[in-house]
Amino acid sequence: MNMKVKKGFTIFFAMLVGSLSLAIGLAIYDLTVRELDLSSTATQSQYAIYAADTGAECALYWDFKCEMLGECTSNGAANSAFATSSKSSPPSADVFCNSIDIAGGPPAAWTVDSTLTSAETTFSITFAPQPYCATVTVAKSGDPVKTVITSRGYNTCTSGAATRLERVLKVTY
């Protein structure tokens, strides 16, 4: 009778070791899947912040080029690339970012909301062939003029995408 008890213990011990090994394997698999998801999200987040940075840099470039260097002229007078009030007349074309005329050519979306003392210019840029894009708002107000650039970068331009990430950069001067 003693021999039968020992044989059952060996099978029980083998099942216990097998179950423990399976549990450890599943735990490692779960951790690996979670780490891969986190890594993918971090990569997509970088794309969104790079898109936001590119949009802000484009706005800074054109603001500096037109206002500081006076290279944008309209009827012989220096002009701003972005509206400063309802009395200003920013260019309606030839403002290029990423080889796209953001002020006048399709698929650009250039809008201006202005009052007598302030204005907001909003434009969008895409980064073909990648799916990244940015929406940039340049707000100008006051005397002297205060400028606030808000650039929203996205890892995908599909607004309803479940994995869409938005990163925002704000520049004030």
Foldseek 3Di string as FASTA:
>chain_A
DVVVVVVVVVVVVVVVVVVVVVVVVVVVVVVVVVVVVVVVLVVLVVQQVVQLVLVVVLQVVQQCVQPVVQPDDDPRGGAGCADAAPPGDHDQFDSDRLNDTQRHDPPKDWDWDHHHFKIKIWIKDANPPFQKIKIWIWIWGDVVIKIKIKIWIWSHPPVPDPSIDIDIDIDID
